[in-house]
All heavy atoms as atom14 arrays in JSON, in Angstrom:
{
  "sequence": "PDLPYPEAFIVMGDFNMLPGSPEYVELAGRPDHEFGMPLTADL",
  "atom14_mask": [
    [1, 1, 1, 1, 1, 1, 1, 0, 0, 0, 0, 0, 0, 0],
    [1, 1, 1, 1, 1, 1, 1, 1, 0, 0, 0, 0, 0, 0],
    [1, 1, 1, 1, 1, 1, 1, 1, 0, 0, 0, 0, 0, 0],
    [1, 1, 1, 1, 1, 1, 1, 0, 0, 0, 0, 0, 0, 0],
    [1, 1, 1, 1, 1, 1, 1, 1, 1, 1, 1, 1, 0, 0],
    [1, 1, 1, 1, 1, 1, 1, 0, 0, 0, 0, 0, 0, 0],
    [1, 1, 1, 1, 1, 1, 1, 1, 1, 0, 0, 0, 0, 0],
    [1, 1, 1, 1, 1, 0, 0, 0, 0, 0, 0, 0, 0, 0],
    [1, 1, 1, 1, 1, 1, 1, 1, 1, 1, 1, 0, 0, 0],
    [1, 1, 1, 1, 1, 1, 1, 1, 0, 0, 0, 0, 0, 0],
    [1, 1, 1, 1, 1, 1, 1, 0, 0, 0, 0, 0, 0, 0],
    [1, 1, 1, 1, 1, 1, 1, 1, 0, 0, 0, 0, 0, 0],
    [1, 1, 1, 1, 0, 0, 0, 0, 0, 0, 0, 0, 0, 0],
    [1, 1, 1, 1, 1, 1, 1, 1, 0, 0, 0, 0, 0, 0],
    [1, 1, 1, 1, 1, 1, 1, 1, 1, 1, 1, 0, 0, 0],
    [1, 1, 1, 1, 1, 1, 1, 1, 0, 0, 0, 0, 0, 0],
    [1, 1, 1, 1, 1, 1, 1, 1, 0, 0, 0, 0, 0, 0],
    [1, 1, 1, 1, 1, 1, 1, 1, 0, 0, 0, 0, 0, 0],
    [1, 1, 1, 1, 1, 1, 1, 0, 0, 0, 0, 0, 0, 0],
    [1, 1, 1, 1, 0, 0, 0, 0, 0, 0, 0, 0, 0, 0],
    [1, 1, 1, 1, 1, 1, 0, 0, 0, 0, 0, 0, 0, 0],
    [1, 1, 1, 1, 1, 1, 1, 0, 0, 0, 0, 0, 0, 0],
    [1, 1, 1, 1, 1, 1, 1, 1, 1, 0, 0, 0, 0, 0],
    [1, 1, 1, 1, 1, 1, 1, 1, 1, 1, 1, 1, 0, 0],
    [1, 1, 1, 1, 1, 1, 1, 0, 0, 0, 0, 0, 0, 0],
    [1, 1, 1, 1, 1, 1, 1, 1, 1, 0, 0, 0, 0, 0],
    [1, 1, 1, 1, 1, 1, 1, 1, 0, 0, 0, 0, 0, 0],
    [1, 1, 1, 1, 1, 0, 0, 0, 0, 0, 0, 0, 0, 0],
    [1, 1, 1, 1, 0, 0, 0, 0, 0, 0, 0, 0, 0, 0],
    [1, 1, 1, 1, 1, 1, 1, 1, 1, 1, 1, 0, 0, 0],
    [1, 1, 1, 1, 1, 1, 1, 0, 0, 0, 0, 0, 0, 0],
    [1, 1, 1, 1, 1, 1, 1, 1, 0, 0, 0, 0, 0, 0],
    [1, 1, 1, 1, 1, 1, 1, 1, 1, 1, 0, 0, 0, 0],
    [1, 1, 1, 1, 1, 1, 1, 1, 1, 0, 0, 0, 0, 0],
    [1, 1, 1, 1, 1, 1, 1, 1, 1, 1, 1, 0, 0, 0],
    [1, 1, 1, 1, 0, 0, 0, 0, 0, 0, 0, 0, 0, 0],
    [1, 1, 1, 1, 1, 1, 1, 1, 0, 0, 0, 0, 0, 0],
    [1, 1, 1, 1, 1, 1, 1, 0, 0, 0, 0, 0, 0, 0],
    [1, 1, 1, 1, 1, 1, 1, 1, 0, 0, 0, 0, 0, 0],
    [1, 1, 1, 1, 1, 1, 1, 0, 0, 0, 0, 0, 0, 0],
    [1, 1, 1, 1, 1, 0, 0, 0, 0, 0, 0, 0, 0, 0],
    [1, 1, 1, 1, 1, 1, 1, 1, 0, 0, 0, 0, 0, 0],
    [1, 1, 1, 1, 1, 1, 1, 1, 0, 0, 0, 0, 0, 0]
  ],
  "atom14_positions": [
    [[17.44, -24.79, -11.57], [18.14, -23.56, -11.97], [18.29, -22.6, -10.79], [17.4, -22.52, -9.94], [17.23, -22.97, -13.05], [15.87, -23.53, -12.75], [16.11, -24.91, -12.2], [0.0, 0.0, 0.0], [0.0, 0.0, 0.0], [0.0, 0.0, 0.0], [0.0, 0.0, 0.0], [0.0, 0.0, 0.0], [0.0, 0.0, 0.0], [0.0, 0.0, 0.0]],
    [[19.41, -21.89, -10.76], [19.62, -20.91, -9.69], [18.63, -19.77, -9.86], [18.24, -19.41, -10.97], [21.05, -20.38, -9.74], [21.49, -19.8, -8.4], [20.73, -19.93, -7.43], [22.6, -19.23, -8.36], [0.0, 0.0, 0.0], [0.0, 0.0, 0.0], [0.0, 0.0, 0.0], [0.0, 0.0, 0.0], [0.0, 0.0, 0.0], [0.0, 0.0, 0.0]],
    [[18.21, -19.22, -8.75], [17.25, -18.13, -8.75], [17.97, -16.79, -8.71], [19.11, -16.7, -8.23], [16.32, -18.26, -7.55], [15.38, -19.47, -7.57], [14.73, -19.67, -6.22], [14.33, -19.32, -8.66], [0.0, 0.0, 0.0], [0.0, 0.0, 0.0], [0.0, 0.0, 0.0], [0.0, 0.0, 0.0], [0.0, 0.0, 0.0], [0.0, 0.0, 0.0]],
    [[17.32, -15.72, -9.17], [17.95, -14.4, -9.1], [18.01, -13.89, -7.67], [17.26, -14.37, -6.8], [17.03, -13.52, -9.96], [15.71, -14.2, -9.93], [16.0, -15.68, -9.85], [0.0, 0.0, 0.0], [0.0, 0.0, 0.0], [0.0, 0.0, 0.0], [0.0, 0.0, 0.0], [0.0, 0.0, 0.0], [0.0, 0.0, 0.0], [0.0, 0.0, 0.0]],
    [[18.89, -12.93, -7.44], [19.05, -12.32, -6.12], [18.8, -10.81, -6.26], [19.73, -10.01, -6.23], [20.44, -12.6, -5.57], [20.71, -14.08, -5.41], [21.25, -14.81, -6.45], [20.37, -14.73, -4.23], [21.48, -16.18, -6.32], [20.6, -16.09, -4.08], [21.14, -16.81, -5.14], [21.35, -18.17, -5.0], [0.0, 0.0, 0.0], [0.0, 0.0, 0.0]],
    [[17.54, -10.42, -6.44], [17.26, -9.02, -6.78], [17.52, -8.07, -5.62], [17.3, -8.41, -4.45], [15.77, -9.05, -7.13], [15.23, -10.2, -6.34], [16.32, -11.23, -6.34], [0.0, 0.0, 0.0], [0.0, 0.0, 0.0], [0.0, 0.0, 0.0], [0.0, 0.0, 0.0], [0.0, 0.0, 0.0], [0.0, 0.0, 0.0], [0.0, 0.0, 0.0]],
    [[17.99, -6.88, -5.98], [18.15, -5.83, -4.98], [16.8, -5.24, -4.59], [16.62, -4.78, -3.46], [19.07, -4.74, -5.56], [19.36, -3.57, -4.62], [18.33, -2.46, -4.72], [17.62, -2.4, -5.75], [18.21, -1.67, -3.76], [0.0, 0.0, 0.0], [0.0, 0.0, 0.0], [0.0, 0.0, 0.0], [0.0, 0.0, 0.0], [0.0, 0.0, 0.0]],
    [[15.84, -5.28, -5.5], [14.54, -4.64, -5.28], [13.72, -5.41, -4.25], [13.63, -6.64, -4.3], [13.77, -4.56, -6.6], [0.0, 0.0, 0.0], [0.0, 0.0, 0.0], [0.0, 0.0, 0.0], [0.0, 0.0, 0.0], [0.0, 0.0, 0.0], [0.0, 0.0, 0.0], [0.0, 0.0, 0.0], [0.0, 0.0, 0.0], [0.0, 0.0, 0.0]],
    [[13.11, -4.66, -3.32], [12.24, -5.28, -2.32], [11.06, -4.37, -2.01], [11.11, -3.15, -2.21], [13.01, -5.6, -1.03], [13.6, -4.4, -0.33], [12.81, -3.56, 0.46], [14.95, -4.11, -0.44], [13.35, -2.47, 1.12], [15.51, -3.01, 0.21], [14.7, -2.18, 0.99], [0.0, 0.0, 0.0], [0.0, 0.0, 0.0], [0.0, 0.0, 0.0]],
    [[9.99, -4.99, -1.53], [8.82, -4.28, -1.02], [8.45, -4.92, 0.3], [8.18, -6.12, 0.37], [7.64, -4.33, -2.0], [8.0, -3.62, -3.32], [6.39, -3.71, -1.38], [6.9, -3.69, -4.37], [0.0, 0.0, 0.0], [0.0, 0.0, 0.0], [0.0, 0.0, 0.0], [0.0, 0.0, 0.0], [0.0, 0.0, 0.0], [0.0, 0.0, 0.0]],
    [[8.46, -4.12, 1.36], [8.14, -4.59, 2.71], [6.83, -3.93, 3.13], [6.72, -2.7, 3.14], [9.24, -4.2, 3.73], [8.98, -4.85, 5.07], [10.6, -4.6, 3.2], [0.0, 0.0, 0.0], [0.0, 0.0, 0.0], [0.0, 0.0, 0.0], [0.0, 0.0, 0.0], [0.0, 0.0, 0.0], [0.0, 0.0, 0.0], [0.0, 0.0, 0.0]],
    [[5.84, -4.74, 3.45], [4.55, -4.16, 3.82], [3.92, -4.96, 4.94], [4.2, -6.14, 5.13], [3.61, -4.08, 2.61], [3.53, -5.3, 1.73], [2.51, -4.93, 0.26], [2.71, -6.45, -0.67], [0.0, 0.0, 0.0], [0.0, 0.0, 0.0], [0.0, 0.0, 0.0], [0.0, 0.0, 0.0], [0.0, 0.0, 0.0], [0.0, 0.0, 0.0]],
    [[3.08, -4.25, 5.71], [2.42, -4.93, 6.8], [2.1, -4.01, 7.95], [2.09, -2.78, 7.84], [0.0, 0.0, 0.0], [0.0, 0.0, 0.0], [0.0, 0.0, 0.0], [0.0, 0.0, 0.0], [0.0, 0.0, 0.0], [0.0, 0.0, 0.0], [0.0, 0.0, 0.0], [0.0, 0.0, 0.0], [0.0, 0.0, 0.0], [0.0, 0.0, 0.0]],
    [[1.86, -4.65, 9.1], [1.5, -3.95, 10.33], [2.78, -3.76, 11.14], [3.3, -4.7, 11.74], [0.47, -4.79, 11.1], [0.11, -4.19, 12.45], [0.57, -3.07, 12.74], [-0.62, -4.85, 13.21], [0.0, 0.0, 0.0], [0.0, 0.0, 0.0], [0.0, 0.0, 0.0], [0.0, 0.0, 0.0], [0.0, 0.0, 0.0], [0.0, 0.0, 0.0]],
    [[3.28, -2.51, 11.17], [4.52, -2.21, 11.88], [4.28, -1.69, 13.29], [5.23, -1.54, 14.06], [5.34, -1.21, 11.08], [5.97, -1.78, 9.85], [5.23, -2.02, 8.71], [7.32, -2.11, 9.83], [5.81, -2.56, 7.57], [7.91, -2.65, 8.7], [7.15, -2.87, 7.56], [0.0, 0.0, 0.0], [0.0, 0.0, 0.0], [0.0, 0.0, 0.0]],
    [[3.04, -1.38, 13.64], [2.7, -0.92, 14.99], [3.54, 0.28, 15.44], [3.78, 0.46, 16.63], [2.83, -2.07, 16.0], [1.6, -2.96, 16.02], [0.48, -2.49, 16.15], [1.82, -4.26, 15.85], [0.0, 0.0, 0.0], [0.0, 0.0, 0.0], [0.0, 0.0, 0.0], [0.0, 0.0, 0.0], [0.0, 0.0, 0.0], [0.0, 0.0, 0.0]],
    [[3.97, 1.09, 14.49], [4.78, 2.26, 14.84], [4.17, 3.49, 14.18], [3.41, 3.39, 13.21], [6.23, 2.08, 14.39], [6.41, 1.96, 12.89], [8.12, 1.56, 12.44], [8.01, 1.53, 10.65], [0.0, 0.0, 0.0], [0.0, 0.0, 0.0], [0.0, 0.0, 0.0], [0.0, 0.0, 0.0], [0.0, 0.0, 0.0], [0.0, 0.0, 0.0]],
    [[4.49, 4.64, 14.71], [4.0, 5.89, 14.16], [5.05, 6.52, 13.25], [6.26, 6.33, 13.47], [3.64, 6.86, 15.28], [2.5, 6.41, 16.21], [2.3, 7.44, 17.32], [1.2, 6.2, 15.44], [0.0, 0.0, 0.0], [0.0, 0.0, 0.0], [0.0, 0.0, 0.0], [0.0, 0.0, 0.0], [0.0, 0.0, 0.0], [0.0, 0.0, 0.0]],
    [[4.63, 7.27, 12.23], [5.61, 7.94, 11.37], [6.55, 8.84, 12.18], [6.12, 9.56, 13.08], [4.72, 8.78, 10.43], [3.4, 8.07, 10.42], [3.24, 7.5, 11.8], [0.0, 0.0, 0.0], [0.0, 0.0, 0.0], [0.0, 0.0, 0.0], [0.0, 0.0, 0.0], [0.0, 0.0, 0.0], [0.0, 0.0, 0.0], [0.0, 0.0, 0.0]],
    [[7.83, 8.76, 11.88], [8.82, 9.58, 12.55], [9.32, 9.05, 13.88], [10.2, 9.65, 14.5], [0.0, 0.0, 0.0], [0.0, 0.0, 0.0], [0.0, 0.0, 0.0], [0.0, 0.0, 0.0], [0.0, 0.0, 0.0], [0.0, 0.0, 0.0], [0.0, 0.0, 0.0], [0.0, 0.0, 0.0], [0.0, 0.0, 0.0], [0.0, 0.0, 0.0]],
    [[8.78, 7.92, 14.35], [9.23, 7.32, 15.61], [10.65, 6.78, 15.44], [11.13, 6.6, 14.31], [8.28, 6.2, 16.02], [8.28, 5.16, 15.04], [0.0, 0.0, 0.0], [0.0, 0.0, 0.0], [0.0, 0.0, 0.0], [0.0, 0.0, 0.0], [0.0, 0.0, 0.0], [0.0, 0.0, 0.0], [0.0, 0.0, 0.0], [0.0, 0.0, 0.0]],
    [[11.37, 6.51, 16.55], [12.75, 6.01, 16.42], [12.85, 4.73, 15.6], [13.8, 4.58, 14.82], [13.16, 5.77, 17.88], [12.35, 6.77, 18.66], [11.02, 6.83, 17.96], [0.0, 0.0, 0.0], [0.0, 0.0, 0.0], [0.0, 0.0, 0.0], [0.0, 0.0, 0.0], [0.0, 0.0, 0.0], [0.0, 0.0, 0.0], [0.0, 0.0, 0.0]],
    [[11.89, 3.82, 15.74], [11.96, 2.59, 14.97], [11.68, 2.86, 13.48], [12.26, 2.21, 12.6], [11.0, 1.54, 15.53], [9.55, 1.96, 15.63], [9.17, 2.55, 16.98], [9.97, 3.32, 17.53], [8.07, 2.22, 17.48], [0.0, 0.0, 0.0], [0.0, 0.0, 0.0], [0.0, 0.0, 0.0], [0.0, 0.0, 0.0], [0.0, 0.0, 0.0]],
    [[10.81, 3.82, 13.2], [10.56, 4.23, 11.81], [11.85, 4.79, 11.2], [12.22, 4.45, 10.06], [9.45, 5.27, 11.78], [9.2, 5.92, 10.43], [8.18, 5.47, 9.6], [9.97, 7.01, 10.0], [7.95, 6.08, 8.37], [9.74, 7.6, 8.77], [8.73, 7.13, 7.96], [8.5, 7.74, 6.75], [0.0, 0.0, 0.0], [0.0, 0.0, 0.0]],
    [[12.55, 5.65, 11.93], [13.78, 6.26, 11.44], [14.84, 5.2, 11.17], [15.62, 5.3, 10.22], [14.3, 7.3, 12.47], [15.7, 7.78, 12.1], [13.33, 8.47, 12.55], [0.0, 0.0, 0.0], [0.0, 0.0, 0.0], [0.0, 0.0, 0.0], [0.0, 0.0, 0.0], [0.0, 0.0, 0.0], [0.0, 0.0, 0.0], [0.0, 0.0, 0.0]],
    [[14.83, 4.14, 11.97], [15.79, 3.04, 11.8], [15.66, 2.42, 10.41], [16.65, 1.98, 9.82], [15.55, 1.98, 12.86], [16.63, 0.93, 12.97], [17.85, 1.4, 13.75], [17.69, 2.13, 14.75], [18.97, 1.03, 13.35], [0.0, 0.0, 0.0], [0.0, 0.0, 0.0], [0.0, 0.0, 0.0], [0.0, 0.0, 0.0], [0.0, 0.0, 0.0]],
    [[14.46, 2.4, 9.87], [14.23, 1.76, 8.57], [14.23, 2.76, 7.42], [14.79, 2.49, 6.35], [12.88, 1.02, 8.6], [12.48, 0.26, 7.33], [13.51, -0.81, 6.99], [11.1, -0.35, 7.49], [0.0, 0.0, 0.0], [0.0, 0.0, 0.0], [0.0, 0.0, 0.0], [0.0, 0.0, 0.0], [0.0, 0.0, 0.0], [0.0, 0.0, 0.0]],
    [[13.6, 3.92, 7.62], [13.37, 4.85, 6.51], [14.14, 6.16, 6.61], [14.12, 6.96, 5.67], [11.88, 5.15, 6.39], [0.0, 0.0, 0.0], [0.0, 0.0, 0.0], [0.0, 0.0, 0.0], [0.0, 0.0, 0.0], [0.0, 0.0, 0.0], [0.0, 0.0, 0.0], [0.0, 0.0, 0.0], [0.0, 0.0, 0.0], [0.0, 0.0, 0.0]],
    [[14.81, 6.41, 7.74], [15.55, 7.65, 7.91], [14.66, 8.81, 8.32], [13.46, 8.66, 8.53], [0.0, 0.0, 0.0], [0.0, 0.0, 0.0], [0.0, 0.0, 0.0], [0.0, 0.0, 0.0], [0.0, 0.0, 0.0], [0.0, 0.0, 0.0], [0.0, 0.0, 0.0], [0.0, 0.0, 0.0], [0.0, 0.0, 0.0], [0.0, 0.0, 0.0]],
    [[15.26, 9.99, 8.43], [14.51, 11.21, 8.76], [14.89, 12.32, 7.78], [15.99, 12.32, 7.22], [14.78, 11.66, 10.19], [16.2, 12.08, 10.47], [16.29, 12.84, 11.81], [15.86, 12.03, 12.92], [16.67, 11.26, 13.65], [17.95, 11.19, 13.34], [16.2, 10.59, 14.67], [0.0, 0.0, 0.0], [0.0, 0.0, 0.0], [0.0, 0.0, 0.0]],
    [[13.97, 13.25, 7.52], [14.25, 14.31, 6.54], [15.38, 15.23, 7.0], [15.5, 15.53, 8.19], [12.92, 15.06, 6.45], [11.89, 14.15, 7.03], [12.6, 13.33, 8.05], [0.0, 0.0, 0.0], [0.0, 0.0, 0.0], [0.0, 0.0, 0.0], [0.0, 0.0, 0.0], [0.0, 0.0, 0.0], [0.0, 0.0, 0.0], [0.0, 0.0, 0.0]],
    [[16.16, 15.66, 6.06], [17.16, 16.7, 6.3], [16.48, 18.07, 6.24], [15.53, 18.26, 5.47], [18.25, 16.61, 5.24], [19.31, 17.7, 5.41], [20.13, 17.58, 6.33], [19.28, 18.67, 4.62], [0.0, 0.0, 0.0], [0.0, 0.0, 0.0], [0.0, 0.0, 0.0], [0.0, 0.0, 0.0], [0.0, 0.0, 0.0], [0.0, 0.0, 0.0]],
    [[16.96, 19.03, 7.04], [16.32, 20.34, 7.1], [16.39, 21.07, 5.76], [15.57, 21.94, 5.46], [16.97, 21.2, 8.19], [18.42, 21.51, 7.93], [18.82, 22.6, 7.2], [19.54, 20.84, 8.29], [20.15, 22.6, 7.13], [20.61, 21.55, 7.79], [0.0, 0.0, 0.0], [0.0, 0.0, 0.0], [0.0, 0.0, 0.0], [0.0, 0.0, 0.0]],
    [[17.36, 20.72, 4.93], [17.55, 21.43, 3.66], [17.12, 20.61, 2.45], [16.49, 21.11, 1.52], [19.02, 21.81, 3.5], [19.34, 22.63, 2.25], [18.77, 24.04, 2.31], [18.51, 24.54, 3.43], [18.56, 24.64, 1.23], [0.0, 0.0, 0.0], [0.0, 0.0, 0.0], [0.0, 0.0, 0.0], [0.0, 0.0, 0.0], [0.0, 0.0, 0.0]],
    [[17.43, 19.28, 2.48], [17.25, 18.47, 1.28], [16.11, 17.45, 1.39], [15.88, 16.68, 0.46], [18.56, 17.73, 0.95], [19.69, 18.67, 0.63], [20.65, 18.96, 1.58], [19.78, 19.27, -0.63], [21.69, 19.83, 1.29], [20.8, 20.14, -0.92], [21.76, 20.43, 0.04], [0.0, 0.0, 0.0], [0.0, 0.0, 0.0], [0.0, 0.0, 0.0]],
    [[15.43, 17.41, 2.51], [14.3, 16.48, 2.64], [14.77, 15.06, 2.91], [15.88, 14.82, 3.37], [0.0, 0.0, 0.0], [0.0, 0.0, 0.0], [0.0, 0.0, 0.0], [0.0, 0.0, 0.0], [0.0, 0.0, 0.0], [0.0, 0.0, 0.0], [0.0, 0.0, 0.0], [0.0, 0.0, 0.0], [0.0, 0.0, 0.0], [0.0, 0.0, 0.0]],
    [[13.9, 14.1, 2.61], [14.19, 12.7, 2.89], [15.22, 12.16, 1.91], [15.02, 12.24, 0.69], [12.91, 11.87, 2.81], [13.08, 10.43, 3.28], [13.42, 10.29, 5.07], [11.74, 10.4, 5.73], [0.0, 0.0, 0.0], [0.0, 0.0, 0.0], [0.0, 0.0, 0.0], [0.0, 0.0, 0.0], [0.0, 0.0, 0.0], [0.0, 0.0, 0.0]],
    [[16.32, 11.6, 2.4], [17.34, 11.09, 1.48], [16.86, 9.83, 0.76], [16.14, 9.02, 1.31], [18.52, 10.77, 2.41], [17.88, 10.52, 3.75], [16.69, 11.43, 3.8], [0.0, 0.0, 0.0], [0.0, 0.0, 0.0], [0.0, 0.0, 0.0], [0.0, 0.0, 0.0], [0.0, 0.0, 0.0], [0.0, 0.0, 0.0], [0.0, 0.0, 0.0]],
    [[17.26, 9.7, -0.5], [16.99, 8.5, -1.27], [18.32, 7.77, -1.43], [19.12, 8.09, -2.31], [16.39, 8.86, -2.63], [15.96, 7.68, -3.52], [14.84, 6.89, -2.87], [15.52, 8.19, -4.89], [0.0, 0.0, 0.0], [0.0, 0.0, 0.0], [0.0, 0.0, 0.0], [0.0, 0.0, 0.0], [0.0, 0.0, 0.0], [0.0, 0.0, 0.0]],
    [[18.57, 6.82, -0.54], [19.85, 6.12, -0.53], [19.6, 4.62, -0.46], [18.56, 4.16, 0.03], [20.72, 6.54, 0.68], [20.01, 6.23, 1.89], [21.01, 8.04, 0.64], [0.0, 0.0, 0.0], [0.0, 0.0, 0.0], [0.0, 0.0, 0.0], [0.0, 0.0, 0.0], [0.0, 0.0, 0.0], [0.0, 0.0, 0.0], [0.0, 0.0, 0.0]],
    [[20.58, 3.85, -0.93], [20.42, 2.41, -1.04], [20.33, 1.72, 0.31], [19.87, 0.58, 0.4], [21.58, 1.83, -1.85], [0.0, 0.0, 0.0], [0.0, 0.0, 0.0], [0.0, 0.0, 0.0], [0.0, 0.0, 0.0], [0.0, 0.0, 0.0], [0.0, 0.0, 0.0], [0.0, 0.0, 0.0], [0.0, 0.0, 0.0], [0.0, 0.0, 0.0]],
    [[20.78, 2.38, 1.39], [20.79, 1.73, 2.7], [19.53, 2.01, 3.51], [19.44, 1.6, 4.68], [22.02, 2.15, 3.49], [22.07, 3.65, 3.76], [21.44, 4.41, 2.99], [22.72, 4.06, 4.74], [0.0, 0.0, 0.0], [0.0, 0.0, 0.0], [0.0, 0.0, 0.0], [0.0, 0.0, 0.0], [0.0, 0.0, 0.0], [0.0, 0.0, 0.0]],
    [[18.55, 2.72, 2.93], [17.3, 3.0, 3.63], [16.12, 2.58, 2.76], [16.18, 2.64, 1.53], [17.18, 4.5, 3.94], [18.14, 5.07, 4.97], [18.0, 6.59, 5.02], [17.89, 4.47, 6.35], [0.0, 0.0, 0.0], [0.0, 0.0, 0.0], [0.0, 0.0, 0.0], [0.0, 0.0, 0.0], [0.0, 0.0, 0.0], [0.0, 0.0, 0.0]]
  ]
}
């Protein structure tokens, strides 16, 4: 049987990066000065 292709994911592990670093922003984004951290499907 074909398997599902879920949109939901959980990525965890040792990223060797600090919060707010450029590589962190690449994955999770950065807070907006007015609205905070965006909740969007591409981050």
